[in-house]
Amino acid sequence: MKLRNQFTLAYIVLLVPIVLGSSSMLNSDGGSYYLLARHWAAGQIDLGISGYWGPLLSWVAAPLTHIFDEPALTMRIAVAI
C-alpha cells in the first residue's frame, strides 16, 4: 500500500507542471467537450447530450466549469482525473 501512495504522489507532482504548462492549448474536440460540460453544469441536459462525443469527459468537467474560468485548464484537469 505504501508503494501505491508513492506512485500517486509522484503522479500528482509530475502532472501539475504539465497541466499548468499546457493550459493555453485546446483543440476543437476539447472545445466541444467544454461546451457540453457547460450545458451539463447549467442543467441543460437536452443540449448536453451529443450523438458524437461520449458523456464521461463532459460529466467529469461539468463541476470544474464552476471552479475554473479558463476552458483549456478545465479540460486538462478533467482529462487528468
PDB file of N, CA and C in Angstrom:
ATOM      1  N   MET A   1       0.827  -1.201   0.000  1.00  0.00           N
ATOM      2  CA  MET A   1       0.000   0.000   0.000  1.00  0.00           C
ATOM      3  C   MET A   1       0.866   1.257   0.000  1.00  0.00           C
ATOM      4  N   LYS A   2       1.996   1.199   0.670  1.00  0.00           N
ATOM      5  CA  LYS A   2       2.870   2.352   0.731  1.00  0.00           C
ATOM      6  C   LYS A   2       3.430   2.706  -0.653  1.00  0.00           C
ATOM      7  N   LEU A   3       3.757   1.690  -1.453  1.00  0.00           N
ATOM      8  CA  LEU A   3       4.270   1.914  -2.798  1.00  0.00           C
ATOM      9  C   LEU A   3       3.212   2.585  -3.676  1.00  0.00           C
ATOM     10  N   ARG A   4       1.972   2.197  -3.497  1.00  0.00           N
ATOM     11  CA  ARG A   4       0.886   2.818  -4.266  1.00  0.00           C
ATOM     12  C   ARG A   4       0.754   4.295  -3.924  1.00  0.00           C
ATOM     13  N   ASN A   5       0.895   4.647  -2.660  1.00  0.00           N
ATOM     14  CA  ASN A   5       0.828   6.048  -2.253  1.00  0.00           C
ATOM     15  C   ASN A   5       1.977   6.847  -2.845  1.00  0.00           C
ATOM     16  N   GLN A   6       3.146   6.226  -2.936  1.00  0.00           N
ATOM     17  CA  GLN A   6       4.296   6.911  -3.520  1.00  0.00           C
ATOM     18  C   GLN A   6       4.076   7.164  -5.010  1.00  0.00           C
ATOM     19  N   PHE A   7       3.506   6.191  -5.703  1.00  0.00           N
ATOM     20  CA  PHE A   7       3.206   6.377  -7.121  1.00  0.00           C
ATOM     21  C   PHE A   7       2.155   7.461  -7.326  1.00  0.00           C
ATOM     22  N   THR A   8       1.163   7.504  -6.468  1.00  0.00           N
ATOM     23  CA  THR A   8       0.126   8.529  -6.562  1.00  0.00           C
ATOM     24  C   THR A   8       0.724   9.915  -6.343  1.00  0.00           C
ATOM     25  N   LEU A   9       1.576  10.041  -5.348  1.00  0.00           N
ATOM     26  CA  LEU A   9       2.224  11.323  -5.073  1.00  0.00           C
ATOM     27  C   LEU A   9       3.116  11.736  -6.242  1.00  0.00           C
ATOM     28  N   ALA A  10       3.879  10.799  -6.781  1.00  0.00           N
ATOM     29  CA  ALA A  10       4.741  11.104  -7.933  1.00  0.00           C
ATOM     30  C   ALA A  10       3.904  11.527  -9.135  1.00  0.00           C
ATOM     31  N   TYR A  11       2.775  10.872  -9.353  1.00  0.00           N
ATOM     32  CA  TYR A  11       1.881  11.219 -10.459  1.00  0.00           C
ATOM     33  C   TYR A  11       1.383  12.654 -10.318  1.00  0.00           C
ATOM     34  N   ILE A  12       0.975  13.023  -9.132  1.00  0.00           N
ATOM     35  CA  ILE A  12       0.455  14.373  -8.901  1.00  0.00           C
ATOM     36  C   ILE A  12       1.562  15.405  -9.065  1.00  0.00           C
ATOM     37  N   VAL A  13       2.735  15.116  -8.519  1.00  0.00           N
ATOM     38  CA  VAL A  13       3.849  16.063  -8.605  1.00  0.00           C
ATOM     39  C   VAL A  13       4.264  16.277 -10.062  1.00  0.00           C
ATOM     40  N   LEU A  14       4.270  15.225 -10.855  1.00  0.00           N
ATOM     41  CA  LEU A  14       4.657  15.355 -12.256  1.00  0.00           C
ATOM     42  C   LEU A  14       3.537  15.931 -13.111  1.00  0.00           C
ATOM     43  N   LEU A  15       2.310  15.731 -12.702  1.00  0.00           N
ATOM     44  CA  LEU A  15       1.172  16.164 -13.506  1.00  0.00           C
ATOM     45  C   LEU A  15       0.913  17.664 -13.404  1.00  0.00           C
ATOM     46  N   VAL A  16       1.128  18.248 -12.249  1.00  0.00           N
ATOM     47  CA  VAL A  16       0.810  19.664 -12.043  1.00  0.00           C
ATOM     48  C   VAL A  16       1.564  20.571 -13.019  1.00  0.00           C
ATOM     49  N   PRO A  17       2.886  20.433 -13.192  1.00  0.00           N
ATOM     50  CA  PRO A  17       3.554  21.310 -14.165  1.00  0.00           C
ATOM     51  C   PRO A  17       3.086  21.084 -15.602  1.00  0.00           C
ATOM     52  N   ILE A  18       2.741  19.863 -15.933  1.00  0.00           N
ATOM     53  CA  ILE A  18       2.267  19.582 -17.291  1.00  0.00           C
ATOM     54  C   ILE A  18       0.932  20.266 -17.532  1.00  0.00           C
ATOM     55  N   VAL A  19       0.031  20.167 -16.574  1.00  0.00           N
ATOM     56  CA  VAL A  19      -1.290  20.784 -16.722  1.00  0.00           C
ATOM     57  C   VAL A  19      -1.165  22.300 -16.788  1.00  0.00           C
ATOM     58  N   LEU A  20      -0.354  22.880 -15.920  1.00  0.00           N
ATOM     59  CA  LEU A  20      -0.223  24.330 -15.910  1.00  0.00           C
ATOM     60  C   LEU A  20       0.551  24.841 -17.117  1.00  0.00           C
ATOM     61  N   GLY A  21       1.519  24.079 -17.597  1.00  0.00           N
ATOM     62  CA  GLY A  21       2.307  24.499 -18.743  1.00  0.00           C
ATOM     63  C   GLY A  21       1.572  24.442 -20.054  1.00  0.00           C
ATOM     64  N   SER A  22       0.599  23.599 -20.153  1.00  0.00           N
ATOM     65  CA  SER A  22      -0.134  23.457 -21.412  1.00  0.00           C
ATOM     66  C   SER A  22      -1.573  23.934 -21.280  1.00  0.00           C
ATOM     67  N   SER A  23      -1.813  24.819 -20.362  1.00  0.00           N
ATOM     68  CA  SER A  23      -3.193  25.229 -20.097  1.00  0.00           C
ATOM     69  C   SER A  23      -3.782  26.108 -21.191  1.00  0.00           C
ATOM     70  N   SER A  24      -2.957  26.667 -22.061  1.00  0.00           N
ATOM     71  CA  SER A  24      -3.498  27.547 -23.097  1.00  0.00           C
ATOM     72  C   SER A  24      -3.802  26.801 -24.393  1.00  0.00           C
ATOM     73  N   MET A  25      -3.505  25.510 -24.464  1.00  0.00           N
ATOM     74  CA  MET A  25      -3.736  24.745 -25.688  1.00  0.00           C
ATOM     75  C   MET A  25      -5.025  23.938 -25.568  1.00  0.00           C
ATOM     76  N   LEU A  26      -5.883  24.079 -26.558  1.00  0.00           N
ATOM     77  CA  LEU A  26      -7.136  23.337 -26.585  1.00  0.00           C
ATOM     78  C   LEU A  26      -7.526  23.117 -28.040  1.00  0.00           C
ATOM     79  N   ASN A  27      -7.744  21.867 -28.407  1.00  0.00           N
ATOM     80  CA  ASN A  27      -8.143  21.601 -29.790  1.00  0.00           C
ATOM     81  C   ASN A  27      -9.665  21.714 -29.924  1.00  0.00           C
ATOM     82  N   SER A  28     -10.163  21.508 -31.116  1.00  0.00           N
ATOM     83  CA  SER A  28     -11.601  21.690 -31.346  1.00  0.00           C
ATOM     84  C   SER A  28     -12.439  20.663 -30.592  1.00  0.00           C
ATOM     85  N   ASP A  29     -11.924  19.450 -30.434  1.00  0.00           N
ATOM     86  CA  ASP A  29     -12.660  18.451 -29.651  1.00  0.00           C
ATOM     87  C   ASP A  29     -12.772  18.887 -28.195  1.00  0.00           C
ATOM     88  N   GLY A  30     -11.691  19.424 -27.657  1.00  0.00           N
ATOM     89  CA  GLY A  30     -11.723  19.904 -26.276  1.00  0.00           C
ATOM     90  C   GLY A  30     -12.717  21.033 -26.094  1.00  0.00           C
ATOM     91  N   GLY A  31     -12.796  21.905 -27.084  1.00  0.00           N
ATOM     92  CA  GLY A  31     -13.777  22.992 -27.022  1.00  0.00           C
ATOM     93  C   GLY A  31     -15.199  22.475 -27.033  1.00  0.00           C
ATOM     94  N   SER A  32     -15.441  21.442 -27.821  1.00  0.00           N
ATOM     95  CA  SER A  32     -16.781  20.855 -27.867  1.00  0.00           C
ATOM     96  C   SER A  32     -17.129  20.163 -26.554  1.00  0.00           C
ATOM     97  N   TYR A  33     -16.162  19.436 -26.009  1.00  0.00           N
ATOM     98  CA  TYR A  33     -16.390  18.806 -24.711  1.00  0.00           C
ATOM     99  C   TYR A  33     -16.649  19.852 -23.631  1.00  0.00           C
ATOM    100  N   TYR A  34     -15.913  20.962 -23.691  1.00  0.00           N
ATOM    101  CA  TYR A  34     -16.116  22.033 -22.713  1.00  0.00           C
ATOM    102  C   TYR A  34     -17.525  22.621 -22.847  1.00  0.00           C
ATOM    103  N   LEU A  35     -17.952  22.833 -24.070  1.00  0.00           N
ATOM    104  CA  LEU A  35     -19.299  23.361 -24.278  1.00  0.00           C
ATOM    105  C   LEU A  35     -20.367  22.406 -23.744  1.00  0.00           C
ATOM    106  N   LEU A  36     -20.183  21.111 -23.997  1.00  0.00           N
ATOM    107  CA  LEU A  36     -21.124  20.123 -23.454  1.00  0.00           C
ATOM    108  C   LEU A  36     -21.101  20.119 -21.929  1.00  0.00           C
ATOM    109  N   ALA A  37     -19.906  20.260 -21.355  1.00  0.00           N
ATOM    110  CA  ALA A  37     -19.791  20.300 -19.895  1.00  0.00           C
ATOM    111  C   ALA A  37     -20.511  21.512 -19.323  1.00  0.00           C
ATOM    112  N   ARG A  38     -20.408  22.648 -20.015  1.00  0.00           N
ATOM    113  CA  ARG A  38     -21.119  23.841 -19.554  1.00  0.00           C
ATOM    114  C   ARG A  38     -22.638  23.626 -19.583  1.00  0.00           C
ATOM    115  N   HIS A  39     -23.110  22.940 -20.610  1.00  0.00           N
ATOM    116  CA  HIS A  39     -24.546  22.647 -20.686  1.00  0.00           C
ATOM    117  C   HIS A  39     -24.972  21.730 -19.545  1.00  0.00           C
ATOM    118  N   TRP A  40     -24.176  20.698 -19.258  1.00  0.00           N
ATOM    119  CA  TRP A  40     -24.495  19.798 -18.144  1.00  0.00           C
ATOM    120  C   TRP A  40     -24.488  20.566 -16.824  1.00  0.00           C
ATOM    121  N   ALA A  41     -23.494  21.444 -16.653  1.00  0.00           N
ATOM    122  CA  ALA A  41     -23.393  22.210 -15.403  1.00  0.00           C
ATOM    123  C   ALA A  41     -24.564  23.169 -15.234  1.00  0.00           C
ATOM    124  N   ALA A  42     -25.093  23.666 -16.333  1.00  0.00           N
ATOM    125  CA  ALA A  42     -26.227  24.593 -16.274  1.00  0.00           C
ATOM    126  C   ALA A  42     -27.566  23.877 -16.187  1.00  0.00           C
ATOM    127  N   GLY A  43     -27.530  22.546 -16.258  1.00  0.00           N
ATOM    128  CA  GLY A  43     -28.770  21.782 -16.183  1.00  0.00           C
ATOM    129  C   GLY A  43     -29.508  21.661 -17.503  1.00  0.00           C
ATOM    130  N   GLN A  44     -28.858  22.044 -18.595  1.00  0.00           N
ATOM    131  CA  GLN A  44     -29.462  21.955 -19.924  1.00  0.00           C
ATOM    132  C   GLN A  44     -29.131  20.589 -20.530  1.00  0.00           C
ATOM    133  N   ILE A  45     -29.795  19.589 -20.023  1.00  0.00           N
ATOM    134  CA  ILE A  45     -29.475  18.207 -20.396  1.00  0.00           C
ATOM    135  C   ILE A  45     -29.741  17.967 -21.879  1.00  0.00           C
ATOM    136  N   ASP A  46     -30.765  18.579 -22.423  1.00  0.00           N
ATOM    137  CA  ASP A  46     -31.058  18.377 -23.847  1.00  0.00           C
ATOM    138  C   ASP A  46     -29.927  18.884 -24.735  1.00  0.00           C
ATOM    139  N   LEU A  47     -29.234  19.928 -24.323  1.00  0.00           N
ATOM    140  CA  LEU A  47     -28.092  20.435 -25.083  1.00  0.00           C
ATOM    141  C   LEU A  47     -26.796  19.709 -24.728  1.00  0.00           C
ATOM    142  N   GLY A  48     -26.766  19.060 -23.577  1.00  0.00           N
ATOM    143  CA  GLY A  48     -25.571  18.357 -23.134  1.00  0.00           C
ATOM    144  C   GLY A  48     -25.413  16.982 -23.754  1.00  0.00           C
ATOM    145  N   ILE A  49     -26.454  16.477 -24.373  1.00  0.00           N
ATOM    146  CA  ILE A  49     -26.387  15.155 -24.997  1.00  0.00           C
ATOM    147  C   ILE A  49     -25.905  15.311 -26.430  1.00  0.00           C
ATOM    148  N   SER A  50     -24.920  14.491 -26.790  1.00  0.00           N
ATOM    149  CA  SER A  50     -24.370  14.535 -28.134  1.00  0.00           C
ATOM    150  C   SER A  50     -24.337  13.132 -28.716  1.00  0.00           C
ATOM    151  N   GLY A  51     -24.623  13.029 -29.993  1.00  0.00           N
ATOM    152  CA  GLY A  51     -24.541  11.739 -30.658  1.00  0.00           C
ATOM    153  C   GLY A  51     -23.129  11.399 -31.086  1.00  0.00           C
ATOM    154  N   TYR A  52     -22.212  12.350 -30.969  1.00  0.00           N
ATOM    155  CA  TYR A  52     -20.844  12.134 -31.424  1.00  0.00           C
ATOM    156  C   TYR A  52     -19.874  11.947 -30.266  1.00  0.00           C
ATOM    157  N   TRP A  53     -19.902  12.844 -29.284  1.00  0.00           N
ATOM    158  CA  TRP A  53     -18.982  12.779 -28.162  1.00  0.00           C
ATOM    159  C   TRP A  53     -19.620  12.035 -26.994  1.00  0.00           C
ATOM    160  N   GLY A  54     -18.840  11.193 -26.366  1.00  0.00           N
ATOM    161  CA  GLY A  54     -19.315  10.444 -25.211  1.00  0.00           C
ATOM    162  C   GLY A  54     -19.517  11.356 -24.013  1.00  0.00           C
ATOM    163  N   PRO A  55     -20.332  10.955 -23.066  1.00  0.00           N
ATOM    164  CA  PRO A  55     -20.682  11.851 -21.966  1.00  0.00           C
ATOM    165  C   PRO A  55     -19.688  11.872 -20.795  1.00  0.00           C
ATOM    166  N   LEU A  56     -18.807  10.888 -20.678  1.00  0.00           N
ATOM    167  CA  LEU A  56     -17.992  10.778 -19.464  1.00  0.00           C
ATOM    168  C   LEU A  56     -17.112  11.998 -19.231  1.00  0.00           C
ATOM    169  N   LEU A  57     -16.385  12.440 -20.225  1.00  0.00           N
ATOM    170  CA  LEU A  57     -15.500  13.586 -20.045  1.00  0.00           C
ATOM    171  C   LEU A  57     -16.291  14.853 -19.733  1.00  0.00           C
ATOM    172  N   SER A  58     -17.429  15.009 -20.354  1.00  0.00           N
ATOM    173  CA  SER A  58     -18.277  16.167 -20.060  1.00  0.00           C
ATOM    174  C   SER A  58     -18.790  16.123 -18.629  1.00  0.00           C
ATOM    175  N   TRP A  59     -19.128  14.944 -18.156  1.00  0.00           N
ATOM    176  CA  TRP A  59     -19.607  14.807 -16.776  1.00  0.00           C
ATOM    177  C   TRP A  59     -18.497  15.115 -15.783  1.00  0.00           C
ATOM    178  N   VAL A  60     -17.295  14.685 -16.083  1.00  0.00           N
ATOM    179  CA  VAL A  60     -16.163  14.967 -15.192  1.00  0.00           C
ATOM    180  C   VAL A  60     -15.851  16.463 -15.197  1.00  0.00           C
ATOM    181  N   ALA A  61     -15.940  17.088 -16.350  1.00  0.00           N
ATOM    182  CA  ALA A  61     -15.594  18.506 -16.474  1.00  0.00           C
ATOM    183  C   ALA A  61     -16.686  19.447 -15.979  1.00  0.00           C
ATOM    184  N   ALA A  62     -17.920  18.979 -15.916  1.00  0.00           N
ATOM    185  CA  ALA A  62     -19.040  19.863 -15.561  1.00  0.00           C
ATOM    186  C   ALA A  62     -18.842  20.574 -14.214  1.00  0.00           C
ATOM    187  N   PRO A  63     -18.482  19.883 -13.124  1.00  0.00           N
ATOM    188  CA  PRO A  63     -18.283  20.621 -11.868  1.00  0.00           C
ATOM    189  C   PRO A  63     -17.072  21.550 -11.919  1.00  0.00           C
ATOM    190  N   LEU A  64     -16.098  21.209 -12.745  1.00  0.00           N
ATOM    191  CA  LEU A  64     -14.893  22.038 -12.837  1.00  0.00           C
ATOM    192  C   LEU A  64     -15.166  23.356 -13.550  1.00  0.00           C
ATOM    193  N   THR A  65     -16.216  23.430 -14.358  1.00  0.00           N
ATOM    194  CA  THR A  65     -16.524  24.676 -15.049  1.00  0.00           C
ATOM    195  C   THR A  65     -16.928  25.779 -14.075  1.00  0.00           C
ATOM    196  N   HIS A  66     -17.382  25.394 -12.897  1.00  0.00           N
ATOM    197  CA  HIS A  66     -17.728  26.395 -11.879  1.00  0.00           C
ATOM    198  C   HIS A  66     -16.497  26.874 -11.120  1.00  0.00           C
ATOM    199  N   ILE A  67     -15.433  26.089 -11.160  1.00  0.00           N
ATOM    200  CA  ILE A  67     -14.226  26.415 -10.398  1.00  0.00           C
ATOM    201  C   ILE A  67     -13.232  27.212 -11.232  1.00  0.00           C
ATOM    202  N   PHE A  68     -13.023  26.805 -12.485  1.00  0.00           N
ATOM    203  CA  PHE A  68     -12.021  27.417 -13.349  1.00  0.00           C
ATOM    204  C   PHE A  68     -12.696  28.194 -14.473  1.00  0.00           C
ATOM    205  N   ASP A  69     -12.170  29.382 -14.764  1.00  0.00           N
ATOM    206  CA  ASP A  69     -12.720  30.207 -15.836  1.00  0.00           C
ATOM    207  C   ASP A  69     -12.127  29.861 -17.194  1.00  0.00           C
ATOM    208  N   GLU A  70     -10.920  29.328 -17.207  1.00  0.00           N
ATOM    209  CA  GLU A  70     -10.213  29.032 -18.450  1.00  0.00           C
ATOM    210  C   GLU A  70     -10.643  27.671 -18.990  1.00  0.00           C
ATOM    211  N   PRO A  71     -11.239  27.609 -20.186  1.00  0.00           N
ATOM    212  CA  PRO A  71     -11.701  26.330 -20.737  1.00  0.00           C
ATOM    213  C   PRO A  71     -10.586  25.304 -20.918  1.00  0.00           C
ATOM    214  N   ALA A  72      -9.418  25.749 -21.391  1.00  0.00           N
ATOM    215  CA  ALA A  72      -8.323  24.802 -21.633  1.00  0.00           C
ATOM    216  C   ALA A  72      -7.841  24.178 -20.330  1.00  0.00           C
ATOM    217  N   LEU A  73      -7.714  24.975 -19.291  1.00  0.00           N
ATOM    218  CA  LEU A  73      -7.284  24.458 -17.991  1.00  0.00           C
ATOM    219  C   LEU A  73      -8.318  23.500 -17.423  1.00  0.00           C
ATOM    220  N   THR A  74      -9.586  23.851 -17.567  1.00  0.00           N
ATOM    221  CA  THR A  74     -10.666  22.984 -17.088  1.00  0.00           C
ATOM    222  C   THR A  74     -10.600  21.614 -17.747  1.00  0.00           C
ATOM    223  N   MET A  75     -10.425  21.594 -19.051  1.00  0.00           N
ATOM    224  CA  MET A  75     -10.392  20.321 -19.757  1.00  0.00           C
ATOM    225  C   MET A  75      -9.118  19.537 -19.473  1.00  0.00           C
ATOM    226  N   ARG A  76      -7.997  20.211 -19.295  1.00  0.00           N
ATOM    227  CA  ARG A  76      -6.753  19.498 -18.951  1.00  0.00           C
ATOM    228  C   ARG A  76      -6.905  18.795 -17.599  1.00  0.00           C
ATOM    229  N   ILE A  77      -7.494  19.465 -16.640  1.00  0.00           N
ATOM    230  CA  ILE A  77      -7.689  18.853 -15.331  1.00  0.00           C
ATOM    231  C   ILE A  77      -8.688  17.701 -15.428  1.00  0.00           C
ATOM    232  N   ALA A  78      -9.742  17.881 -16.200  1.00  0.00           N
ATOM    233  CA  ALA A  78     -10.732  16.806 -16.362  1.00  0.00           C
ATOM    234  C   ALA A  78     -10.099  15.572 -17.000  1.00  0.00           C
ATOM    235  N   VAL A  79      -9.255  15.771 -17.991  1.00  0.00           N
ATOM    236  CA  VAL A  79      -8.576  14.641 -18.632  1.00  0.00           C
ATOM    237  C   VAL A  79      -7.627  13.966 -17.648  1.00  0.00           C
ATOM    238  N   ALA A  80      -6.975  14.750 -16.809  1.00  0.00           N
ATOM    239  CA  ALA A  80      -6.044  14.187 -15.831  1.00  0.00           C
ATOM    240  C   ALA A  80      -6.759  13.356 -14.779  1.00  0.00           C
ATOM    241  N   ILE A  81      -7.982  13.732 -14.468  1.00  0.00           N
ATOM    242  CA  ILE A  81      -8.756  12.969 -13.470  1.00  0.00           C
ATOM    243  C   ILE A  81      -9.119  11.651 -14.059  1.00  0.00           C
TER     244      ILE A  81
END
